[in-house]
Full PDB file with SEQRES, HELIX, SHEET, SSBOND, CRYST1, ORIGX, SCALE, CONECT and MASTER records, all heavy atoms in Angstrom:
SEQRES   1 A   37  GLY GLU ILE ASP HIS ARG SER ILE TYR GLY GLU ALA SER          
SEQRES   2 A   37  LEU LYS ASP ALA LYS GLU LEU HIS GLU GLU GLY ILE GLU          
SEQRES   3 A   37  PHE HIS PRO LEU PRO VAL LEU PRO ASP GLU ARG                  
HELIX    1 AA1 LEU A   14  GLU A   22  1                                   9    
HELIX    2 AA2 PRO A   34  GLU A   36  5                                   3    
CRYST1    1.000    1.000    1.000  90.00  90.00  90.00 P 1           1          
ORIGX1      1.000000  0.000000  0.000000        0.00000                         
ORIGX2      0.000000  1.000000  0.000000        0.00000                         
ORIGX3      0.000000  0.000000  1.000000        0.00000                         
SCALE1      1.000000  0.000000  0.000000        0.00000                         
SCALE2      0.000000  1.000000  0.000000        0.00000                         
SCALE3      0.000000  0.000000  1.000000        0.00000                         
ATOM      1  N   GLY A   1     105.785 108.998 104.053  1.00  0.00           N  
ATOM      2  CA  GLY A   1     106.258 110.265 104.613  1.00  0.00           C  
ATOM      3  C   GLY A   1     105.429 111.486 104.265  1.00  0.00           C  
ATOM      4  O   GLY A   1     105.886 112.605 104.441  1.00  0.00           O  
ATOM      5  N   GLU A   2     104.214 111.285 103.773  1.00  0.00           N  
ATOM      6  CA  GLU A   2     103.360 112.422 103.426  1.00  0.00           C  
ATOM      7  C   GLU A   2     102.758 113.085 104.665  1.00  0.00           C  
ATOM      8  O   GLU A   2     102.443 114.267 104.639  1.00  0.00           O  
ATOM      9  CB  GLU A   2     102.250 111.971 102.475  1.00  0.00           C  
ATOM     10  CG  GLU A   2     102.770 111.462 101.140  1.00  0.00           C  
ATOM     11  CD  GLU A   2     101.672 110.847 100.279  1.00  0.00           C  
ATOM     12  OE1 GLU A   2     100.491 111.184 100.472  1.00  0.00           O  
ATOM     13  OE2 GLU A   2     102.011 110.025  99.404  1.00  0.00           O  
ATOM     14  N   ILE A   3     102.579 112.309 105.725  1.00  0.00           N  
ATOM     15  CA  ILE A   3     102.080 112.838 106.999  1.00  0.00           C  
ATOM     16  C   ILE A   3     102.899 112.224 108.123  1.00  0.00           C  
ATOM     17  O   ILE A   3     103.580 111.211 107.930  1.00  0.00           O  
ATOM     18  CB  ILE A   3     100.565 112.554 107.214  1.00  0.00           C  
ATOM     19  CG1 ILE A   3     100.284 111.040 107.241  1.00  0.00           C  
ATOM     20  CG2 ILE A   3      99.717 113.237 106.159  1.00  0.00           C  
ATOM     21  CD1 ILE A   3      98.843 110.672 107.592  1.00  0.00           C  
ATOM     22  N   ASP A   4     102.850 112.839 109.308  1.00  0.00           N  
ATOM     23  CA  ASP A   4     103.587 112.328 110.458  1.00  0.00           C  
ATOM     24  C   ASP A   4     103.035 110.982 110.891  1.00  0.00           C  
ATOM     25  O   ASP A   4     101.825 110.736 110.826  1.00  0.00           O  
ATOM     26  CB  ASP A   4     103.498 113.309 111.633  1.00  0.00           C  
ATOM     27  CG  ASP A   4     104.311 114.572 111.387  1.00  0.00           C  
ATOM     28  OD1 ASP A   4     105.256 114.532 110.574  1.00  0.00           O  
ATOM     29  OD2 ASP A   4     103.993 115.608 112.013  1.00  0.00           O  
ATOM     30  N   HIS A   5     103.933 110.143 111.388  1.00  0.00           N  
ATOM     31  CA  HIS A   5     103.536 108.820 111.882  1.00  0.00           C  
ATOM     32  C   HIS A   5     102.773 108.972 113.192  1.00  0.00           C  
ATOM     33  O   HIS A   5     103.139 109.773 114.040  1.00  0.00           O  
ATOM     34  CB  HIS A   5     104.770 107.945 112.091  1.00  0.00           C  
ATOM     35  CG  HIS A   5     104.428 106.577 112.582  1.00  0.00           C  
ATOM     36  ND1 HIS A   5     104.005 105.588 111.733  1.00  0.00           N  
ATOM     37  CD2 HIS A   5     104.406 106.057 113.825  1.00  0.00           C  
ATOM     38  CE1 HIS A   5     103.755 104.501 112.438  1.00  0.00           C  
ATOM     39  NE2 HIS A   5     103.989 104.758 113.713  1.00  0.00           N  
ATOM     40  N   ARG A   6     101.704 108.209 113.325  1.00  0.00           N  
ATOM     41  CA  ARG A   6     100.930 108.155 114.561  1.00  0.00           C  
ATOM     42  C   ARG A   6     100.219 106.816 114.603  1.00  0.00           C  
ATOM     43  O   ARG A   6     100.125 106.125 113.594  1.00  0.00           O  
ATOM     44  CB  ARG A   6      99.937 109.315 114.653  1.00  0.00           C  
ATOM     45  CG  ARG A   6      98.794 109.233 113.643  1.00  0.00           C  
ATOM     46  CD  ARG A   6      97.960 110.524 113.666  1.00  0.00           C  
ATOM     47  NE  ARG A   6      96.667 110.381 113.073  1.00  0.00           N  
ATOM     48  CZ  ARG A   6      96.393 110.335 111.774  1.00  0.00           C  
ATOM     49  NH1 ARG A   6      97.384 110.409 110.907  1.00  0.00           N  
ATOM     50  NH2 ARG A   6      95.165 110.212 111.336  1.00  0.00           N  
ATOM     51  N   SER A   7      99.732 106.435 115.770  1.00  0.00           N  
ATOM     52  CA  SER A   7      98.991 105.179 115.903  1.00  0.00           C  
ATOM     53  C   SER A   7      97.567 105.395 115.419  1.00  0.00           C  
ATOM     54  O   SER A   7      96.897 106.342 115.858  1.00  0.00           O  
ATOM     55  CB  SER A   7      98.974 104.721 117.356  1.00  0.00           C  
ATOM     56  OG  SER A   7     100.268 104.384 117.764  1.00  0.00           O  
ATOM     57  N   ILE A   8      97.124 104.531 114.515  1.00  0.00           N  
ATOM     58  CA  ILE A   8      95.766 104.626 113.981  1.00  0.00           C  
ATOM     59  C   ILE A   8      95.118 103.249 113.992  1.00  0.00           C  
ATOM     60  O   ILE A   8      95.801 102.231 114.068  1.00  0.00           O  
ATOM     61  CB  ILE A   8      95.733 105.191 112.539  1.00  0.00           C  
ATOM     62  CG1 ILE A   8      96.505 104.277 111.569  1.00  0.00           C  
ATOM     63  CG2 ILE A   8      96.250 106.628 112.501  1.00  0.00           C  
ATOM     64  CD1 ILE A   8      96.322 104.639 110.102  1.00  0.00           C  
ATOM     65  N   TYR A   9      93.797 103.244 113.918  1.00  0.00           N  
ATOM     66  CA  TYR A   9      93.058 102.004 113.684  1.00  0.00           C  
ATOM     67  C   TYR A   9      91.806 102.345 112.908  1.00  0.00           C  
ATOM     68  O   TYR A   9      91.362 103.480 112.870  1.00  0.00           O  
ATOM     69  CB  TYR A   9      92.756 101.249 114.985  1.00  0.00           C  
ATOM     70  CG  TYR A   9      91.694 101.874 115.869  1.00  0.00           C  
ATOM     71  CD1 TYR A   9      90.412 101.346 115.914  1.00  0.00           C  
ATOM     72  CD2 TYR A   9      91.976 102.965 116.681  1.00  0.00           C  
ATOM     73  CE1 TYR A   9      89.443 101.891 116.730  1.00  0.00           C  
ATOM     74  CE2 TYR A   9      91.014 103.521 117.500  1.00  0.00           C  
ATOM     75  CZ  TYR A   9      89.752 102.984 117.528  1.00  0.00           C  
ATOM     76  OH  TYR A   9      88.789 103.525 118.331  1.00  0.00           O  
ATOM     77  N   GLY A  10      91.275 101.342 112.208  1.00  0.00           N  
ATOM     78  CA  GLY A  10      90.088 101.541 111.391  1.00  0.00           C  
ATOM     79  C   GLY A  10      89.759 100.256 110.657  1.00  0.00           C  
ATOM     80  O   GLY A  10      90.102  99.171 111.103  1.00  0.00           O  
ATOM     81  N   GLU A  11      89.097 100.396 109.519  1.00  0.00           N  
ATOM     82  CA  GLU A  11      88.709  99.231 108.731  1.00  0.00           C  
ATOM     83  C   GLU A  11      89.442  99.231 107.399  1.00  0.00           C  
ATOM     84  O   GLU A  11      89.702 100.281 106.837  1.00  0.00           O  
ATOM     85  CB  GLU A  11      87.195  99.235 108.445  1.00  0.00           C  
ATOM     86  CG  GLU A  11      86.346  98.971 109.664  1.00  0.00           C  
ATOM     87  CD  GLU A  11      85.976 100.252 110.386  1.00  0.00           C  
ATOM     88  OE1 GLU A  11      85.727 101.258 109.707  1.00  0.00           O  
ATOM     89  OE2 GLU A  11      85.959 100.258 111.615  1.00  0.00           O  
ATOM     90  N   ALA A  12      89.719  98.017 106.925  1.00  0.00           N  
ATOM     91  CA  ALA A  12      90.329  97.841 105.611  1.00  0.00           C  
ATOM     92  C   ALA A  12      89.725  96.595 104.978  1.00  0.00           C  
ATOM     93  O   ALA A  12      89.501  95.599 105.650  1.00  0.00           O  
ATOM     94  CB  ALA A  12      91.842  97.695 105.724  1.00  0.00           C  
ATOM     95  N   SER A  13      89.465  96.683 103.691  1.00  0.00           N  
ATOM     96  CA  SER A  13      88.961  95.508 102.981  1.00  0.00           C  
ATOM     97  C   SER A  13      90.099  94.505 102.826  1.00  0.00           C  
ATOM     98  O   SER A  13      91.280  94.844 102.997  1.00  0.00           O  
ATOM     99  CB  SER A  13      88.445  95.912 101.595  1.00  0.00           C  
ATOM    100  OG  SER A  13      89.537  96.325 100.775  1.00  0.00           O  
ATOM    101  N   LEU A  14      89.761  93.278 102.488  1.00  0.00           N  
ATOM    102  CA  LEU A  14      90.784  92.264 102.261  1.00  0.00           C  
ATOM    103  C   LEU A  14      91.711  92.705 101.122  1.00  0.00           C  
ATOM    104  O   LEU A  14      92.928  92.535 101.203  1.00  0.00           O  
ATOM    105  CB  LEU A  14      90.135  90.913 101.946  1.00  0.00           C  
ATOM    106  CG  LEU A  14      91.070  89.741 101.748  1.00  0.00           C  
ATOM    107  CD1 LEU A  14      91.957  89.531 102.974  1.00  0.00           C  
ATOM    108  CD2 LEU A  14      90.287  88.472 101.453  1.00  0.00           C  
ATOM    109  N   LYS A  15      91.137  93.316 100.094  1.00  0.00           N  
ATOM    110  CA  LYS A  15      91.934  93.808  98.959  1.00  0.00           C  
ATOM    111  C   LYS A  15      92.926  94.874  99.438  1.00  0.00           C  
ATOM    112  O   LYS A  15      94.102  94.840  99.096  1.00  0.00           O  
ATOM    113  CB  LYS A  15      91.005  94.384  97.895  1.00  0.00           C  
ATOM    114  CG  LYS A  15      91.712  94.966  96.681  1.00  0.00           C  
ATOM    115  CD  LYS A  15      90.694  95.544  95.693  1.00  0.00           C  
ATOM    116  CE  LYS A  15      91.365  96.148  94.497  1.00  0.00           C  
ATOM    117  NZ  LYS A  15      91.561  97.585  94.618  1.00  0.00           N  
ATOM    118  N   ASP A  16      92.443  95.836 100.254  1.00  0.00           N  
ATOM    119  CA  ASP A  16      93.323  96.875 100.781  1.00  0.00           C  
ATOM    120  C   ASP A  16      94.429  96.273 101.642  1.00  0.00           C  
ATOM    121  O   ASP A  16      95.589  96.678 101.553  1.00  0.00           O  
ATOM    122  CB  ASP A  16      92.536  97.893 101.616  1.00  0.00           C  
ATOM    123  CG  ASP A  16      91.692  98.828 100.761  1.00  0.00           C  
ATOM    124  OD1 ASP A  16      92.011  99.009  99.570  1.00  0.00           O  
ATOM    125  OD2 ASP A  16      90.721  99.396 101.304  1.00  0.00           O  
ATOM    126  N   ALA A  17      94.073  95.303 102.474  1.00  0.00           N  
ATOM    127  CA  ALA A  17      95.062  94.676 103.347  1.00  0.00           C  
ATOM    128  C   ALA A  17      96.141  93.974 102.527  1.00  0.00           C  
ATOM    129  O   ALA A  17      97.336  94.079 102.836  1.00  0.00           O  
ATOM    130  CB  ALA A  17      94.377  93.693 104.294  1.00  0.00           C  
ATOM    131  N   LYS A  18      95.739  93.272 101.471  1.00  0.00           N  
ATOM    132  CA  LYS A  18      96.717  92.598 100.619  1.00  0.00           C  
ATOM    133  C   LYS A  18      97.644  93.611  99.955  1.00  0.00           C  
ATOM    134  O   LYS A  18      98.855  93.407  99.879  1.00  0.00           O  
ATOM    135  CB  LYS A  18      96.003  91.761  99.545  1.00  0.00           C  
ATOM    136  CG  LYS A  18      95.414  90.482 100.069  1.00  0.00           C  
ATOM    137  CD  LYS A  18      94.737  89.701  98.960  1.00  0.00           C  
ATOM    138  CE  LYS A  18      94.123  88.417  99.479  1.00  0.00           C  
ATOM    139  NZ  LYS A  18      93.459  87.658  98.414  1.00  0.00           N  
ATOM    140  N   GLU A  19      97.072  94.706  99.467  1.00  0.00           N  
ATOM    141  CA  GLU A  19      97.882  95.734  98.814  1.00  0.00           C  
ATOM    142  C   GLU A  19      98.860  96.378  99.796  1.00  0.00           C  
ATOM    143  O   GLU A  19     100.023  96.617  99.458  1.00  0.00           O  
ATOM    144  CB  GLU A  19      96.985  96.786  98.165  1.00  0.00           C  
ATOM    145  CG  GLU A  19      96.253  96.265  96.948  1.00  0.00           C  
ATOM    146  CD  GLU A  19      95.216  97.244  96.400  1.00  0.00           C  
ATOM    147  OE1 GLU A  19      94.998  98.328  97.007  1.00  0.00           O  
ATOM    148  OE2 GLU A  19      94.599  96.932  95.371  1.00  0.00           O  
ATOM    149  N   LEU A  20      98.407  96.676 101.021  1.00  0.00           N  
ATOM    150  CA  LEU A  20      99.300  97.247 102.033  1.00  0.00           C  
ATOM    151  C   LEU A  20     100.448  96.282 102.318  1.00  0.00           C  
ATOM    152  O   LEU A  20     101.614  96.691 102.392  1.00  0.00           O  
ATOM    153  CB  LEU A  20      98.534  97.543 103.325  1.00  0.00           C  
ATOM    154  CG  LEU A  20      97.545  98.708 103.283  1.00  0.00           C  
ATOM    155  CD1 LEU A  20      96.728  98.748 104.570  1.00  0.00           C  
ATOM    156  CD2 LEU A  20      98.265 100.029 103.055  1.00  0.00           C  
ATOM    157  N   HIS A  21     100.124  95.005 102.445  1.00  0.00           N  
ATOM    158  CA  HIS A  21     101.149  93.992 102.710  1.00  0.00           C  
ATOM    159  C   HIS A  21     102.163  93.931 101.561  1.00  0.00           C  
ATOM    160  O   HIS A  21     103.375  93.876 101.797  1.00  0.00           O  
ATOM    161  CB  HIS A  21     100.490  92.630 102.926  1.00  0.00           C  
ATOM    162  CG  HIS A  21     101.474  91.524 103.109  1.00  0.00           C  
ATOM    163  ND1 HIS A  21     102.199  91.359 104.258  1.00  0.00           N  
ATOM    164  CD2 HIS A  21     101.865  90.538 102.264  1.00  0.00           C  
ATOM    165  CE1 HIS A  21     102.997  90.318 104.121  1.00  0.00           C  
ATOM    166  NE2 HIS A  21     102.810  89.799 102.927  1.00  0.00           N  
ATOM    167  N   GLU A  22     101.668  93.936 100.321  1.00  0.00           N  
ATOM    168  CA  GLU A  22     102.550  93.874  99.158  1.00  0.00           C  
ATOM    169  C   GLU A  22     103.455  95.097  99.059  1.00  0.00           C  
ATOM    170  O   GLU A  22     104.568  95.014  98.549  1.00  0.00           O  
ATOM    171  CB  GLU A  22     101.719  93.722  97.884  1.00  0.00           C  
ATOM    172  CG  GLU A  22     101.090  92.340  97.755  1.00  0.00           C  
ATOM    173  CD  GLU A  22     100.056  92.249  96.632  1.00  0.00           C  
ATOM    174  OE1 GLU A  22      99.799  93.260  95.946  1.00  0.00           O  
ATOM    175  OE2 GLU A  22      99.494  91.156  96.463  1.00  0.00           O  
ATOM    176  N   GLU A  23     102.985  96.241  99.585  1.00  0.00           N  
ATOM    177  CA  GLU A  23     103.790  97.464  99.573  1.00  0.00           C  
ATOM    178  C   GLU A  23     104.778  97.510 100.740  1.00  0.00           C  
ATOM    179  O   GLU A  23     105.572  98.441 100.842  1.00  0.00           O  
ATOM    180  CB  GLU A  23     102.886  98.699  99.642  1.00  0.00           C  
ATOM    181  CG  GLU A  23     102.077  98.927  98.381  1.00  0.00           C  
ATOM    182  CD  GLU A  23     101.131 100.110  98.492  1.00  0.00           C  
ATOM    183  OE1 GLU A  23     101.593 101.202  98.868  1.00  0.00           O  
ATOM    184  OE2 GLU A  23      99.930  99.939  98.214  1.00  0.00           O  
ATOM    185  N   GLY A  24     104.720  96.510 101.615  1.00  0.00           N  
ATOM    186  CA  GLY A  24     105.630  96.471 102.747  1.00  0.00           C  
ATOM    187  C   GLY A  24     105.191  97.338 103.909  1.00  0.00           C  
ATOM    188  O   GLY A  24     105.997  97.676 104.776  1.00  0.00           O  
ATOM    189  N   ILE A  25     103.919  97.700 103.949  1.00  0.00           N  
ATOM    190  CA  ILE A  25     103.389  98.531 105.025  1.00  0.00           C  
ATOM    191  C   ILE A  25     102.923  97.614 106.142  1.00  0.00           C  
ATOM    192  O   ILE A  25     102.055  96.767 105.940  1.00  0.00           O  
ATOM    193  CB  ILE A  25     102.239  99.423 104.514  1.00  0.00           C  
ATOM    194  CG1 ILE A  25     102.760 100.334 103.390  1.00  0.00           C  
ATOM    195  CG2 ILE A  25     101.626 100.231 105.656  1.00  0.00           C  
ATOM    196  CD1 ILE A  25     101.690 101.110 102.667  1.00  0.00           C  
ATOM    197  N   GLU A  26     103.531  97.784 107.320  1.00  0.00           N  
ATOM    198  CA  GLU A  26     103.220  96.898 108.444  1.00  0.00           C  
ATOM    199  C   GLU A  26     101.934  97.336 109.139  1.00  0.00           C  
ATOM    200  O   GLU A  26     101.736  98.514 109.433  1.00  0.00           O  
ATOM    201  CB  GLU A  26     104.365  96.897 109.445  1.00  0.00           C  
ATOM    202  CG  GLU A  26     104.188  95.877 110.532  1.00  0.00           C  
ATOM    203  CD  GLU A  26     105.391  95.762 111.443  1.00  0.00           C  
ATOM    204  OE1 GLU A  26     106.476  96.243 111.077  1.00  0.00           O  
ATOM    205  OE2 GLU A  26     105.227  95.184 112.517  1.00  0.00           O  
ATOM    206  N   PHE A  27     101.068  96.367 109.389  1.00  0.00           N  
ATOM    207  CA  PHE A  27      99.827  96.592 110.123  1.00  0.00           C  
ATOM    208  C   PHE A  27      99.425  95.266 110.747  1.00  0.00           C  
ATOM    209  O   PHE A  27      99.921  94.212 110.362  1.00  0.00           O  
ATOM    210  CB  PHE A  27      98.709  97.109 109.202  1.00  0.00           C  
ATOM    211  CG  PHE A  27      98.327  96.131 108.131  1.00  0.00           C  
ATOM    212  CD1 PHE A  27      97.253  95.271 108.317  1.00  0.00           C  
ATOM    213  CD2 PHE A  27      99.037  96.046 106.949  1.00  0.00           C  
ATOM    214  CE1 PHE A  27      96.908  94.349 107.340  1.00  0.00           C  
ATOM    215  CE2 PHE A  27      98.704  95.132 105.972  1.00  0.00           C  
ATOM    216  CZ  PHE A  27      97.629  94.282 106.171  1.00  0.00           C  
ATOM    217  N   HIS A  28      98.549  95.325 111.736  1.00  0.00           N  
ATOM    218  CA  HIS A  28      98.109  94.120 112.426  1.00  0.00           C  
ATOM    219  C   HIS A  28      96.625  94.226 112.717  1.00  0.00           C  
ATOM    220  O   HIS A  28      96.142  95.303 113.074  1.00  0.00           O  
ATOM    221  CB  HIS A  28      98.864  93.939 113.749  1.00  0.00           C  
ATOM    222  CG  HIS A  28     100.336  93.895 113.571  1.00  0.00           C  
ATOM    223  ND1 HIS A  28     100.998  92.767 113.160  1.00  0.00           N  
ATOM    224  CD2 HIS A  28     101.289  94.853 113.712  1.00  0.00           C  
ATOM    225  CE1 HIS A  28     102.290  93.028 113.078  1.00  0.00           C  
ATOM    226  NE2 HIS A  28     102.492  94.284 113.406  1.00  0.00           N  
ATOM    227  N   PRO A  29      95.897  93.132 112.608  1.00  0.00           N  
ATOM    228  CA  PRO A  29      94.476  93.178 112.967  1.00  0.00           C  
ATOM    229  C   PRO A  29      94.327  93.323 114.474  1.00  0.00           C  
ATOM    230  O   PRO A  29      95.137  92.811 115.244  1.00  0.00           O  
ATOM    231  CB  PRO A  29      93.930  91.831 112.488  1.00  0.00           C  
ATOM    232  CG  PRO A  29      95.129  90.943 112.391  1.00  0.00           C  
ATOM    233  CD  PRO A  29      96.306  91.824 112.112  1.00  0.00           C  
ATOM    234  N   LEU A  30      93.304  94.065 114.883  1.00  0.00           N  
ATOM    235  CA  LEU A  30      93.016  94.176 116.311  1.00  0.00           C  
ATOM    236  C   LEU A  30      92.473  92.850 116.801  1.00  0.00           C  
ATOM    237  O   LEU A  30      91.659  92.226 116.124  1.00  0.00           O  
ATOM    238  CB  LEU A  30      91.968  95.268 116.564  1.00  0.00           C  
ATOM    239  CG  LEU A  30      92.440  96.704 116.420  1.00  0.00           C  
ATOM    240  CD1 LEU A  30      91.263  97.654 116.568  1.00  0.00           C  
ATOM    241  CD2 LEU A  30      93.508  97.033 117.432  1.00  0.00           C  
ATOM    242  N   PRO A  31      92.901  92.396 117.976  1.00  0.00           N  
ATOM    243  CA  PRO A  31      92.371  91.120 118.473  1.00  0.00           C  
ATOM    244  C   PRO A  31      90.888  91.232 118.796  1.00  0.00           C  
ATOM    245  O   PRO A  31      90.443  92.206 119.407  1.00  0.00           O  
ATOM    246  CB  PRO A  31      93.197  90.860 119.738  1.00  0.00           C  
ATOM    247  CG  PRO A  31      93.797  92.164 120.116  1.00  0.00           C  
ATOM    248  CD  PRO A  31      93.866  92.992 118.877  1.00  0.00           C  
ATOM    249  N   VAL A  32      90.111  90.252 118.340  1.00  0.00           N  
ATOM    250  CA  VAL A  32      88.687  90.183 118.615  1.00  0.00           C  
ATOM    251  C   VAL A  32      88.403  88.814 119.214  1.00  0.00           C  
ATOM    252  O   VAL A  32      88.783  87.802 118.651  1.00  0.00           O  
ATOM    253  CB  VAL A  32      87.854  90.361 117.322  1.00  0.00           C  
ATOM    254  CG1 VAL A  32      86.367  90.243 117.627  1.00  0.00           C  
ATOM    255  CG2 VAL A  32      88.156  91.700 116.673  1.00  0.00           C  
ATOM    256  N   LEU A  33      87.767  88.797 120.357  1.00  0.00           N  
ATOM    257  CA  LEU A  33      87.430  87.542 121.007  1.00  0.00           C  
ATOM    258  C   LEU A  33      86.052  87.089 120.591  1.00  0.00           C  
ATOM    259  O   LEU A  33      85.183  87.918 120.333  1.00  0.00           O  
ATOM    260  CB  LEU A  33      87.505  87.709 122.527  1.00  0.00           C  
ATOM    261  CG  LEU A  33      88.869  88.144 123.052  1.00  0.00           C  
ATOM    262  CD1 LEU A  33      88.804  88.426 124.536  1.00  0.00           C  
ATOM    263  CD2 LEU A  33      89.909  87.088 122.750  1.00  0.00           C  
ATOM    264  N   PRO A  34      85.823  85.769 120.505  1.00  0.00           N  
ATOM    265  CA  PRO A  34      84.514  85.268 120.060  1.00  0.00           C  
ATOM    266  C   PRO A  34      83.341  85.831 120.866  1.00  0.00           C  
ATOM    267  O   PRO A  34      82.318  86.171 120.309  1.00  0.00           O  
ATOM    268  CB  PRO A  34      84.625  83.753 120.239  1.00  0.00           C  
ATOM    269  CG  PRO A  34      86.077  83.477 120.190  1.00  0.00           C  
ATOM    270  CD  PRO A  34      86.758  84.686 120.766  1.00  0.00           C  
ATOM    271  N   ASP A  35      83.506  85.985 122.184  1.00  0.00           N  
ATOM    272  CA  ASP A  35      82.395  86.471 122.998  1.00  0.00           C  
ATOM    273  C   ASP A  35      82.103  87.942 122.769  1.00  0.00           C  
ATOM    274  O   ASP A  35      81.040  88.437 123.103  1.00  0.00           O  
ATOM    275  CB  ASP A  35      82.607  86.198 124.487  1.00  0.00           C  
ATOM    276  CG  ASP A  35      83.959  86.657 125.006  1.00  0.00           C  
ATOM    277  OD1 ASP A  35      84.884  86.819 124.184  1.00  0.00           O  
ATOM    278  OD2 ASP A  35      84.094  86.820 126.226  1.00  0.00           O  
ATOM    279  N   GLU A  36      83.014  88.682 122.134  1.00  0.00           N  
ATOM    280  CA  GLU A  36      82.765  90.087 121.812  1.00  0.00           C  
ATOM    281  C   GLU A  36      81.867  90.231 120.598  1.00  0.00           C  
ATOM    282  O   GLU A  36      81.326  91.291 120.334  1.00  0.00           O  
ATOM    283  CB  GLU A  36      84.087  90.812 121.564  1.00  0.00           C  
ATOM    284  CG  GLU A  36      84.910  90.973 122.819  1.00  0.00           C  
ATOM    285  CD  GLU A  36      86.259  91.629 122.537  1.00  0.00           C  
ATOM    286  OE1 GLU A  36      86.666  91.719 121.360  1.00  0.00           O  
ATOM    287  OE2 GLU A  36      86.883  92.050 123.513  1.00  0.00           O  
ATOM    288  N   ARG A  37      81.690  89.153 119.818  1.00  0.00           N  
ATOM    289  CA  ARG A  37      80.856  89.202 118.624  1.00  0.00           C  
ATOM    290  C   ARG A  37      79.417  88.823 118.928  1.00  0.00           C  
ATOM    291  O   ARG A  37      78.565  88.860 118.074  1.00  0.00           O  
ATOM    292  CB  ARG A  37      81.409  88.271 117.558  1.00  0.00           C  
ATOM    293  CG  ARG A  37      82.651  88.821 116.917  1.00  0.00           C  
ATOM    294  CD  ARG A  37      83.051  87.963 115.736  1.00  0.00           C  
ATOM    295  NE  ARG A  37      84.431  87.553 115.973  1.00  0.00           N  
ATOM    296  CZ  ARG A  37      84.870  86.337 115.881  1.00  0.00           C  
ATOM    297  NH1 ARG A  37      84.071  85.374 115.528  1.00  0.00           N  
ATOM    298  NH2 ARG A  37      86.126  86.058 116.122  1.00  0.00           N  
TER     299      ARG A  37                                                      
MASTER        0    0    0    2    0    0    0    6  298    1    0    3          
END                                                                             
């Protein structure tokens, strides 16, 4: 609740993702298709 909720995307390390998950913060990876790589 420190800032207003809005839709965001960016990068997170595996460590950051694990910590967010453990804190109960919901997030989802953006879908990436093999041919996009």
